């Protein structure tokens, strides 16, 4: 019996959305660019989107999803001032303080 491995990602930001198509083989991301970003996943990985701003990566082996798991947050890395971007569900972003007003 194969063990299953899940990894949750969240998309945070106004207008940032994600959706899965082609039976979980294609991940379409709207990340504030002028076009949608398409990400084709390997055969051992399935992608599901429960909400527009939360993705679920599902795979049969932990190592099979590593390239997808590494590449998704690089498409829109979390911003340190507002916290917008793609990040893991349990990831905590330490936000920086903006300019201080006098």
PDB file of N, CA and C in Angstrom:
ATOM      1  N   UNK A   1       0.834  -1.176   0.000  1.00  0.00           N
ATOM      2  CA  UNK A   1       0.000   0.000   0.000  1.00  0.00           C
ATOM      3  C   UNK A   1       0.884   1.247   0.000  1.00  0.00           C
ATOM      4  N   UNK A   2       0.575   2.182  -0.882  1.00  0.00           N
ATOM      5  CA  UNK A   2       1.361   3.400  -0.981  1.00  0.00           C
ATOM      6  C   UNK A   2       0.878   4.429   0.027  1.00  0.00           C
ATOM      7  N   UNK A   3       1.818   5.148   0.598  1.00  0.00           N
ATOM      8  CA  UNK A   3       1.418   6.231   1.495  1.00  0.00           C
ATOM      9  C   UNK A   3       1.193   7.492   0.671  1.00  0.00           C
ATOM     10  N   UNK A   4       0.257   8.274   1.098  1.00  0.00           N
ATOM     11  CA  UNK A   4      -0.063   9.498   0.385  1.00  0.00           C
ATOM     12  C   UNK A   4       0.483  10.682   1.172  1.00  0.00           C
ATOM     13  N   UNK A   5       0.888  11.702   0.457  1.00  0.00           N
ATOM     14  CA  UNK A   5       1.508  12.865   1.067  1.00  0.00           C
ATOM     15  C   UNK A   5       0.796  14.110   0.568  1.00  0.00           C
ATOM     16  N   UNK A   6       0.404  14.980   1.480  1.00  0.00           N
ATOM     17  CA  UNK A   6      -0.307  16.200   1.136  1.00  0.00           C
ATOM     18  C   UNK A   6       0.535  17.408   1.530  1.00  0.00           C
ATOM     19  N   UNK A   7       0.449  18.450   0.743  1.00  0.00           N
ATOM     20  CA  UNK A   7       1.097  19.714   1.100  1.00  0.00           C
ATOM     21  C   UNK A   7       0.170  20.844   0.667  1.00  0.00           C
ATOM     22  N   UNK A   8      -0.201  21.696   1.604  1.00  0.00           N
ATOM     23  CA  UNK A   8      -1.112  22.798   1.330  1.00  0.00           C
ATOM     24  C   UNK A   8      -0.328  24.067   1.018  1.00  0.00           C
ATOM     25  N   UNK A   9      -0.787  24.787   0.015  1.00  0.00           N
ATOM     26  CA  UNK A   9      -0.253  26.100  -0.316  1.00  0.00           C
ATOM     27  C   UNK A   9      -1.383  27.103  -0.231  1.00  0.00           C
ATOM     28  N   UNK A  10      -1.065  28.336   0.095  1.00  0.00           N
ATOM     29  CA  UNK A  10      -2.100  29.370   0.073  1.00  0.00           C
ATOM     30  C   UNK A  10      -1.628  30.528  -0.799  1.00  0.00           C
ATOM     31  N   UNK A  11      -2.591  31.141  -1.463  1.00  0.00           N
ATOM     32  CA  UNK A  11      -2.340  32.279  -2.332  1.00  0.00           C
ATOM     33  C   UNK A  11      -2.952  33.489  -1.641  1.00  0.00           C
ATOM     34  N   UNK A  12      -2.122  34.457  -1.272  1.00  0.00           N
ATOM     35  CA  UNK A  12      -2.582  35.615  -0.514  1.00  0.00           C
ATOM     36  C   UNK A  12      -2.358  36.872  -1.350  1.00  0.00           C
ATOM     37  N   UNK A  13      -3.396  37.665  -1.512  1.00  0.00           N
ATOM     38  CA  UNK A  13      -3.279  38.931  -2.227  1.00  0.00           C
ATOM     39  C   UNK A  13      -4.557  39.251  -2.968  1.00  0.00           C
ATOM     40  N   UNK A  14      -4.811  40.532  -3.154  1.00  0.00           N
ATOM     41  CA  UNK A  14      -6.005  40.972  -3.868  1.00  0.00           C
ATOM     42  C   UNK A  14      -5.854  40.601  -5.339  1.00  0.00           C
ATOM     43  N   UNK A  15      -6.794  39.830  -5.855  1.00  0.00           N
ATOM     44  CA  UNK A  15      -6.757  39.424  -7.254  1.00  0.00           C
ATOM     45  C   UNK A  15      -5.900  38.202  -7.530  1.00  0.00           C
ATOM     46  N   UNK A  16      -5.197  37.675  -6.538  1.00  0.00           N
ATOM     47  CA  UNK A  16      -4.391  36.474  -6.731  1.00  0.00           C
ATOM     48  C   UNK A  16      -5.325  35.274  -6.627  1.00  0.00           C
ATOM     49  N   UNK A  17      -5.354  34.450  -7.657  1.00  0.00           N
ATOM     50  CA  UNK A  17      -6.244  33.292  -7.662  1.00  0.00           C
ATOM     51  C   UNK A  17      -5.546  32.096  -8.275  1.00  0.00           C
ATOM     52  N   UNK A  18      -6.072  30.917  -7.962  1.00  0.00           N
ATOM     53  CA  UNK A  18      -5.536  29.678  -8.511  1.00  0.00           C
ATOM     54  C   UNK A  18      -6.688  28.762  -8.870  1.00  0.00           C
ATOM     55  N   UNK A  19      -6.488  27.973  -9.917  1.00  0.00           N
ATOM     56  CA  UNK A  19      -7.476  26.955 -10.264  1.00  0.00           C
ATOM     57  C   UNK A  19      -6.759  25.789 -10.933  1.00  0.00           C
ATOM     58  N   UNK A  20      -7.332  24.609 -10.748  1.00  0.00           N
ATOM     59  CA  UNK A  20      -6.762  23.390 -11.318  1.00  0.00           C
ATOM     60  C   UNK A  20      -7.627  22.960 -12.490  1.00  0.00           C
ATOM     61  N   UNK A  21      -6.981  22.501 -13.550  1.00  0.00           N
ATOM     62  CA  UNK A  21      -7.689  22.011 -14.729  1.00  0.00           C
ATOM     63  C   UNK A  21      -7.020  20.734 -15.209  1.00  0.00           C
ATOM     64  N   UNK A  22      -7.632  20.120 -16.196  1.00  0.00           N
ATOM     65  CA  UNK A  22      -7.123  18.895 -16.824  1.00  0.00           C
ATOM     66  C   UNK A  22      -6.923  17.798 -15.788  1.00  0.00           C
ATOM     67  N   UNK A  23      -7.958  17.572 -14.974  1.00  0.00           N
ATOM     68  CA  UNK A  23      -7.957  16.517 -13.960  1.00  0.00           C
ATOM     69  C   UNK A  23      -6.778  16.631 -12.999  1.00  0.00           C
ATOM     70  N   UNK A  24      -6.446  17.832 -12.606  1.00  0.00           N
ATOM     71  CA  UNK A  24      -5.376  18.038 -11.635  1.00  0.00           C
ATOM     72  C   UNK A  24      -3.980  18.014 -12.206  1.00  0.00           C
ATOM     73  N   UNK A  25      -3.851  18.064 -13.517  1.00  0.00           N
ATOM     74  CA  UNK A  25      -2.531  18.034 -14.153  1.00  0.00           C
ATOM     75  C   UNK A  25      -2.012  19.423 -14.511  1.00  0.00           C
ATOM     76  N   UNK A  26      -2.870  20.436 -14.403  1.00  0.00           N
ATOM     77  CA  UNK A  26      -2.490  21.787 -14.797  1.00  0.00           C
ATOM     78  C   UNK A  26      -2.950  22.761 -13.718  1.00  0.00           C
ATOM     79  N   UNK A  27      -2.061  23.619 -13.290  1.00  0.00           N
ATOM     80  CA  UNK A  27      -2.371  24.627 -12.286  1.00  0.00           C
ATOM     81  C   UNK A  27      -2.270  25.992 -12.950  1.00  0.00           C
ATOM     82  N   UNK A  28      -3.371  26.745 -12.933  1.00  0.00           N
ATOM     83  CA  UNK A  28      -3.407  28.082 -13.515  1.00  0.00           C
ATOM     84  C   UNK A  28      -3.432  29.103 -12.386  1.00  0.00           C
ATOM     85  N   UNK A  29      -2.516  30.049 -12.439  1.00  0.00           N
ATOM     86  CA  UNK A  29      -2.369  31.034 -11.372  1.00  0.00           C
ATOM     87  C   UNK A  29      -2.503  32.447 -11.924  1.00  0.00           C
ATOM     88  N   UNK A  30      -3.314  33.260 -11.266  1.00  0.00           N
ATOM     89  CA  UNK A  30      -3.383  34.693 -11.550  1.00  0.00           C
ATOM     90  C   UNK A  30      -2.632  35.379 -10.425  1.00  0.00           C
ATOM     91  N   UNK A  31      -1.495  35.991 -10.767  1.00  0.00           N
ATOM     92  CA  UNK A  31      -0.616  36.541  -9.737  1.00  0.00           C
ATOM     93  C   UNK A  31      -0.300  38.014  -9.953  1.00  0.00           C
ATOM     94  N   UNK A  32      -1.180  38.731 -10.636  1.00  0.00           N
ATOM     95  CA  UNK A  32      -0.952  40.150 -10.851  1.00  0.00           C
ATOM     96  C   UNK A  32      -0.153  40.458 -12.098  1.00  0.00           C
ATOM     97  N   UNK A  33       0.212  39.447 -12.855  1.00  0.00           N
ATOM     98  CA  UNK A  33       0.889  39.671 -14.123  1.00  0.00           C
ATOM     99  C   UNK A  33      -0.159  39.942 -15.199  1.00  0.00           C
ATOM    100  N   UNK A  34       0.273  40.290 -16.404  1.00  0.00           N
ATOM    101  CA  UNK A  34      -0.663  40.557 -17.487  1.00  0.00           C
ATOM    102  C   UNK A  34      -1.225  39.266 -18.082  1.00  0.00           C
ATOM    103  N   UNK A  35      -0.732  38.137 -17.649  1.00  0.00           N
ATOM    104  CA  UNK A  35      -1.176  36.848 -18.176  1.00  0.00           C
ATOM    105  C   UNK A  35      -1.313  35.854 -17.019  1.00  0.00           C
ATOM    106  N   UNK A  36      -2.007  34.746 -17.283  1.00  0.00           N
ATOM    107  CA  UNK A  36      -2.079  33.666 -16.298  1.00  0.00           C
ATOM    108  C   UNK A  36      -0.819  32.825 -16.397  1.00  0.00           C
ATOM    109  N   UNK A  37      -0.343  32.365 -15.277  1.00  0.00           N
ATOM    110  CA  UNK A  37       0.832  31.498 -15.238  1.00  0.00           C
ATOM    111  C   UNK A  37       0.340  30.058 -15.227  1.00  0.00           C
ATOM    112  N   UNK A  38       0.804  29.260 -16.193  1.00  0.00           N
ATOM    113  CA  UNK A  38       0.433  27.842 -16.273  1.00  0.00           C
ATOM    114  C   UNK A  38       1.575  27.012 -15.719  1.00  0.00           C
ATOM    115  N   UNK A  39       1.234  26.066 -14.878  1.00  0.00           N
ATOM    116  CA  UNK A  39       2.228  25.178 -14.296  1.00  0.00           C
ATOM    117  C   UNK A  39       1.759  23.747 -14.502  1.00  0.00           C
ATOM    118  N   UNK A  40       2.463  22.991 -15.328  1.00  0.00           N
ATOM    119  CA  UNK A  40       2.141  21.591 -15.564  1.00  0.00           C
ATOM    120  C   UNK A  40       2.826  20.760 -14.491  1.00  0.00           C
ATOM    121  N   UNK A  41       2.063  19.881 -13.868  1.00  0.00           N
ATOM    122  CA  UNK A  41       2.607  19.090 -12.770  1.00  0.00           C
ATOM    123  C   UNK A  41       3.001  17.701 -13.269  1.00  0.00           C
ATOM    124  N   UNK A  42       3.951  17.031 -12.618  1.00  0.00           N
ATOM    125  CA  UNK A  42       4.366  15.689 -13.022  1.00  0.00           C
ATOM    126  C   UNK A  42       3.225  14.678 -12.866  1.00  0.00           C
ATOM    127  N   UNK A  43       3.333  13.526 -13.520  1.00  0.00           N
ATOM    128  CA  UNK A  43       2.253  12.524 -13.461  1.00  0.00           C
ATOM    129  C   UNK A  43       1.953  11.992 -12.063  1.00  0.00           C
ATOM    130  N   UNK A  44       2.917  11.987 -11.166  1.00  0.00           N
ATOM    131  CA  UNK A  44       2.690  11.446  -9.820  1.00  0.00           C
ATOM    132  C   UNK A  44       2.029  12.454  -8.892  1.00  0.00           C
ATOM    133  N   UNK A  45       1.775  13.657  -9.378  1.00  0.00           N
ATOM    134  CA  UNK A  45       1.221  14.725  -8.540  1.00  0.00           C
ATOM    135  C   UNK A  45      -0.155  15.111  -9.057  1.00  0.00           C
ATOM    136  N   UNK A  46      -1.080  15.319  -8.155  1.00  0.00           N
ATOM    137  CA  UNK A  46      -2.411  15.842  -8.483  1.00  0.00           C
ATOM    138  C   UNK A  46      -2.589  17.156  -7.736  1.00  0.00           C
ATOM    139  N   UNK A  47      -3.209  18.124  -8.386  1.00  0.00           N
ATOM    140  CA  UNK A  47      -3.453  19.424  -7.776  1.00  0.00           C
ATOM    141  C   UNK A  47      -4.951  19.634  -7.668  1.00  0.00           C
ATOM    142  N   UNK A  48      -5.398  20.048  -6.491  1.00  0.00           N
ATOM    143  CA  UNK A  48      -6.804  20.362  -6.267  1.00  0.00           C
ATOM    144  C   UNK A  48      -6.886  21.764  -5.688  1.00  0.00           C
ATOM    145  N   UNK A  49      -7.916  22.501  -6.053  1.00  0.00           N
ATOM    146  CA  UNK A  49      -8.165  23.831  -5.488  1.00  0.00           C
ATOM    147  C   UNK A  49      -9.525  23.802  -4.822  1.00  0.00           C
ATOM    148  N   UNK A  50      -9.534  23.936  -3.512  1.00  0.00           N
ATOM    149  CA  UNK A  50     -10.800  23.959  -2.783  1.00  0.00           C
ATOM    150  C   UNK A  50     -11.433  25.334  -2.843  1.00  0.00           C
ATOM    151  N   UNK A  51     -10.630  26.360  -2.684  1.00  0.00           N
ATOM    152  CA  UNK A  51     -11.079  27.740  -2.786  1.00  0.00           C
ATOM    153  C   UNK A  51     -10.160  28.417  -3.786  1.00  0.00           C
ATOM    154  N   UNK A  52     -10.523  29.602  -4.203  1.00  0.00           N
ATOM    155  CA  UNK A  52      -9.690  30.304  -5.177  1.00  0.00           C
ATOM    156  C   UNK A  52      -8.341  30.695  -4.584  1.00  0.00           C
ATOM    157  N   UNK A  53      -8.258  30.767  -3.266  1.00  0.00           N
ATOM    158  CA  UNK A  53      -7.015  31.204  -2.656  1.00  0.00           C
ATOM    159  C   UNK A  53      -6.364  30.134  -1.785  1.00  0.00           C
ATOM    160  N   UNK A  54      -6.708  28.883  -1.983  1.00  0.00           N
ATOM    161  CA  UNK A  54      -6.039  27.814  -1.259  1.00  0.00           C
ATOM    162  C   UNK A  54      -5.894  26.616  -2.190  1.00  0.00           C
ATOM    163  N   UNK A  55      -4.704  26.109  -2.339  1.00  0.00           N
ATOM    164  CA  UNK A  55      -4.425  24.965  -3.205  1.00  0.00           C
ATOM    165  C   UNK A  55      -4.065  23.765  -2.350  1.00  0.00           C
ATOM    166  N   UNK A  56      -4.280  22.608  -2.899  1.00  0.00           N
ATOM    167  CA  UNK A  56      -3.832  21.384  -2.249  1.00  0.00           C
ATOM    168  C   UNK A  56      -3.021  20.604  -3.259  1.00  0.00           C
ATOM    169  N   UNK A  57      -1.798  20.298  -2.935  1.00  0.00           N
ATOM    170  CA  UNK A  57      -0.983  19.416  -3.762  1.00  0.00           C
ATOM    171  C   UNK A  57      -1.076  18.018  -3.177  1.00  0.00           C
ATOM    172  N   UNK A  58      -1.413  17.061  -3.990  1.00  0.00           N
ATOM    173  CA  UNK A  58      -1.581  15.685  -3.540  1.00  0.00           C
ATOM    174  C   UNK A  58      -0.664  14.815  -4.378  1.00  0.00           C
ATOM    175  N   UNK A  59       0.059  13.945  -3.747  1.00  0.00           N
ATOM    176  CA  UNK A  59       0.943  13.061  -4.512  1.00  0.00           C
ATOM    177  C   UNK A  59       1.100  11.730  -3.793  1.00  0.00           C
ATOM    178  N   UNK A  60       1.511  10.731  -4.533  1.00  0.00           N
ATOM    179  CA  UNK A  60       1.676   9.396  -3.962  1.00  0.00           C
ATOM    180  C   UNK A  60       3.015   9.253  -3.246  1.00  0.00           C
ATOM    181  N   UNK A  61       4.030   9.942  -3.731  1.00  0.00           N
ATOM    182  CA  UNK A  61       5.346   9.878  -3.094  1.00  0.00           C
ATOM    183  C   UNK A  61       5.771  11.291  -2.725  1.00  0.00           C
ATOM    184  N   UNK A  62       6.448  11.424  -1.624  1.00  0.00           N
ATOM    185  CA  UNK A  62       6.854  12.746  -1.153  1.00  0.00           C
ATOM    186  C   UNK A  62       7.835  13.405  -2.116  1.00  0.00           C
ATOM    187  N   UNK A  63       8.773  12.648  -2.659  1.00  0.00           N
ATOM    188  CA  UNK A  63       9.791  13.225  -3.536  1.00  0.00           C
ATOM    189  C   UNK A  63       9.228  13.653  -4.887  1.00  0.00           C
ATOM    190  N   UNK A  64       8.098  13.084  -5.303  1.00  0.00           N
ATOM    191  CA  UNK A  64       7.552  13.389  -6.624  1.00  0.00           C
ATOM    192  C   UNK A  64       7.078  14.826  -6.733  1.00  0.00           C
ATOM    193  N   UNK A  65       6.613  15.398  -5.660  1.00  0.00           N
ATOM    194  CA  UNK A  65       6.081  16.753  -5.709  1.00  0.00           C
ATOM    195  C   UNK A  65       7.077  17.833  -5.347  1.00  0.00           C
ATOM    196  N   UNK A  66       8.302  17.460  -5.060  1.00  0.00           N
ATOM    197  CA  UNK A  66       9.293  18.443  -4.630  1.00  0.00           C
ATOM    198  C   UNK A  66       9.540  19.541  -5.664  1.00  0.00           C
ATOM    199  N   UNK A  67       9.677  19.237  -6.964  1.00  0.00           N
ATOM    200  CA  UNK A  67       9.891  20.330  -7.925  1.00  0.00           C
ATOM    201  C   UNK A  67       8.720  21.305  -7.991  1.00  0.00           C
ATOM    202  N   UNK A  68       7.502  20.810  -7.914  1.00  0.00           N
ATOM    203  CA  UNK A  68       6.326  21.679  -7.956  1.00  0.00           C
ATOM    204  C   UNK A  68       6.256  22.501  -6.683  1.00  0.00           C
ATOM    205  N   UNK A  69       6.531  21.868  -5.563  1.00  0.00           N
ATOM    206  CA  UNK A  69       6.465  22.540  -4.274  1.00  0.00           C
ATOM    207  C   UNK A  69       7.503  23.655  -4.183  1.00  0.00           C
ATOM    208  N   UNK A  70       8.656  23.459  -4.796  1.00  0.00           N
ATOM    209  CA  UNK A  70       9.691  24.491  -4.780  1.00  0.00           C
ATOM    210  C   UNK A  70       9.390  25.601  -5.783  1.00  0.00           C
ATOM    211  N   UNK A  71       8.807  25.244  -6.931  1.00  0.00           N
ATOM    212  CA  UNK A  71       8.612  26.219  -8.007  1.00  0.00           C
ATOM    213  C   UNK A  71       7.436  27.156  -7.750  1.00  0.00           C
ATOM    214  N   UNK A  72       6.366  26.680  -7.121  1.00  0.00           N
ATOM    215  CA  UNK A  72       5.174  27.517  -6.889  1.00  0.00           C
ATOM    216  C   UNK A  72       5.488  28.774  -6.085  1.00  0.00           C
ATOM    217  N   UNK A  73       6.113  28.689  -4.924  1.00  0.00           N
ATOM    218  CA  UNK A  73       6.395  29.925  -4.188  1.00  0.00           C
ATOM    219  C   UNK A  73       7.380  30.848  -4.899  1.00  0.00           C
ATOM    220  N   UNK A  74       8.200  30.328  -5.812  1.00  0.00           N
ATOM    221  CA  UNK A  74       9.135  31.178  -6.536  1.00  0.00           C
ATOM    222  C   UNK A  74       8.430  32.031  -7.582  1.00  0.00           C
ATOM    223  N   UNK A  75       7.241  31.616  -8.034  1.00  0.00           N
ATOM    224  CA  UNK A  75       6.505  32.405  -9.017  1.00  0.00           C
ATOM    225  C   UNK A  75       6.103  33.753  -8.442  1.00  0.00           C
ATOM    226  N   UNK A  76       5.708  33.787  -7.204  1.00  0.00           N
ATOM    227  CA  UNK A  76       5.361  35.032  -6.508  1.00  0.00           C
ATOM    228  C   UNK A  76       5.755  34.846  -5.048  1.00  0.00           C
ATOM    229  N   UNK A  77       6.995  35.148  -4.744  1.00  0.00           N
ATOM    230  CA  UNK A  77       7.507  34.967  -3.383  1.00  0.00           C
ATOM    231  C   UNK A  77       6.757  35.875  -2.415  1.00  0.00           C
ATOM    232  N   UNK A  78       6.575  35.442  -1.185  1.00  0.00           N
ATOM    233  CA  UNK A  78       5.871  36.277  -0.210  1.00  0.00           C
ATOM    234  C   UNK A  78       6.577  37.621   0.009  1.00  0.00           C
ATOM    235  N   UNK A  79       5.789  38.667   0.001  1.00  0.00           N
ATOM    236  CA  UNK A  79       6.293  40.019   0.194  1.00  0.00           C
ATOM    237  C   UNK A  79       6.466  40.269   1.694  1.00  0.00           C
ATOM    238  N   UNK A  80       7.561  40.898   2.092  1.00  0.00           N
ATOM    239  CA  UNK A  80       7.844  41.064   3.518  1.00  0.00           C
ATOM    240  C   UNK A  80       7.089  42.229   4.148  1.00  0.00           C
ATOM    241  N   UNK A  81       6.519  43.122   3.357  1.00  0.00           N
ATOM    242  CA  UNK A  81       5.790  44.260   3.919  1.00  0.00           C
ATOM    243  C   UNK A  81       4.297  43.983   4.048  1.00  0.00           C
ATOM    244  N   UNK A  82       3.693  43.359   3.044  1.00  0.00           N
ATOM    245  CA  UNK A  82       2.251  43.100   3.080  1.00  0.00           C
ATOM    246  C   UNK A  82       1.910  41.629   3.260  1.00  0.00           C
ATOM    247  N   UNK A  83       2.845  40.730   2.969  1.00  0.00           N
ATOM    248  CA  UNK A  83       2.587  39.306   3.122  1.00  0.00           C
ATOM    249  C   UNK A  83       1.882  38.685   1.934  1.00  0.00           C
ATOM    250  N   UNK A  84       1.862  39.368   0.778  1.00  0.00           N
ATOM    251  CA  UNK A  84       1.210  38.832  -0.410  1.00  0.00           C
ATOM    252  C   UNK A  84       2.131  37.834  -1.106  1.00  0.00           C
ATOM    253  N   UNK A  85       1.542  36.831  -1.767  1.00  0.00           N
ATOM    254  CA  UNK A  85       2.315  35.876  -2.538  1.00  0.00           C
ATOM    255  C   UNK A  85       1.825  34.458  -2.327  1.00  0.00           C
ATOM    256  N   UNK A  86       2.626  33.486  -2.754  1.00  0.00           N
ATOM    257  CA  UNK A  86       2.309  32.068  -2.576  1.00  0.00           C
ATOM    258  C   UNK A  86       3.193  31.541  -1.459  1.00  0.00           C
ATOM    259  N   UNK A  87       2.560  30.897  -0.486  1.00  0.00           N
ATOM    260  CA  UNK A  87       3.322  30.358   0.636  1.00  0.00           C
ATOM    261  C   UNK A  87       2.662  29.076   1.133  1.00  0.00           C
ATOM    262  N   UNK A  88       3.379  28.340   1.947  1.00  0.00           N
ATOM    263  CA  UNK A  88       2.815  27.146   2.555  1.00  0.00           C
ATOM    264  C   UNK A  88       1.795  27.554   3.608  1.00  0.00           C
ATOM    265  N   UNK A  89       0.821  26.711   3.855  1.00  0.00           N
ATOM    266  CA  UNK A  89      -0.257  27.040   4.780  1.00  0.00           C
ATOM    267  C   UNK A  89       0.262  27.273   6.197  1.00  0.00           C
ATOM    268  N   UNK A  90       1.259  26.502   6.615  1.00  0.00           N
ATOM    269  CA  UNK A  90       1.786  26.637   7.971  1.00  0.00           C
ATOM    270  C   UNK A  90       2.980  27.588   8.059  1.00  0.00           C
ATOM    271  N   UNK A  91       3.330  28.238   6.955  1.00  0.00           N
ATOM    272  CA  UNK A  91       4.474  29.148   6.932  1.00  0.00           C
ATOM    273  C   UNK A  91       4.095  30.490   7.561  1.00  0.00           C
ATOM    274  N   UNK A  92       4.983  31.007   8.382  1.00  0.00           N
ATOM    275  CA  UNK A  92       4.758  32.300   9.022  1.00  0.00           C
ATOM    276  C   UNK A  92       5.742  33.295   8.414  1.00  0.00           C
ATOM    277  N   UNK A  93       5.216  34.374   7.874  1.00  0.00           N
ATOM    278  CA  UNK A  93       6.048  35.411   7.280  1.00  0.00           C
ATOM    279  C   UNK A  93       6.217  36.527   8.308  1.00  0.00           C
ATOM    280  N   UNK A  94       7.452  36.821   8.649  1.00  0.00           N
ATOM    281  CA  UNK A  94       7.710  37.919   9.573  1.00  0.00           C
ATOM    282  C   UNK A  94       7.706  39.204   8.750  1.00  0.00           C
ATOM    283  N   UNK A  95       6.735  40.051   9.030  1.00  0.00           N
ATOM    284  CA  UNK A  95       6.579  41.276   8.256  1.00  0.00           C
ATOM    285  C   UNK A  95       7.495  42.370   8.791  1.00  0.00           C
ATOM    286  N   UNK A  96       7.997  43.172   7.855  1.00  0.00           N
ATOM    287  CA  UNK A  96       8.823  44.313   8.221  1.00  0.00           C
ATOM    288  C   UNK A  96       7.938  45.524   8.458  1.00  0.00           C
ATOM    289  N   UNK A  97       8.423  46.417   9.276  1.00  0.00           N
ATOM    290  CA  UNK A  97       7.696  47.648   9.531  1.00  0.00           C
ATOM    291  C   UNK A  97       7.983  48.619   8.395  1.00  0.00           C
ATOM    292  N   UNK A  98       6.975  49.330   7.950  1.00  0.00           N
ATOM    293  CA  UNK A  98       7.146  50.316   6.886  1.00  0.00           C
ATOM    294  C   UNK A  98       7.788  51.586   7.419  1.00  0.00           C
ATOM    295  N   UNK A  99       7.716  52.628   6.613  1.00  0.00           N
ATOM    296  CA  UNK A  99       8.273  53.913   7.040  1.00  0.00           C
ATOM    297  C   UNK A  99       7.519  54.437   8.250  1.00  0.00           C
ATOM    298  N   UNK A 100       8.246  55.019   9.140  1.00  0.00           N
ATOM    299  CA  UNK A 100       7.610  55.627  10.308  1.00  0.00           C
ATOM    300  C   UNK A 100       7.263  57.067   9.964  1.00  0.00           C
ATOM    301  N   UNK A 101       6.050  57.457  10.295  1.00  0.00           N
ATOM    302  CA  UNK A 101       5.669  58.851  10.058  1.00  0.00           C
ATOM    303  C   UNK A 101       6.105  59.696  11.246  1.00  0.00           C
ATOM    304  N   UNK A 102       6.407  60.932  10.979  1.00  0.00           N
ATOM    305  CA  UNK A 102       6.897  61.818  12.049  1.00  0.00           C
ATOM    306  C   UNK A 102       5.779  62.366  12.874  1.00  0.00           C
TER     307      UNK A 102
END
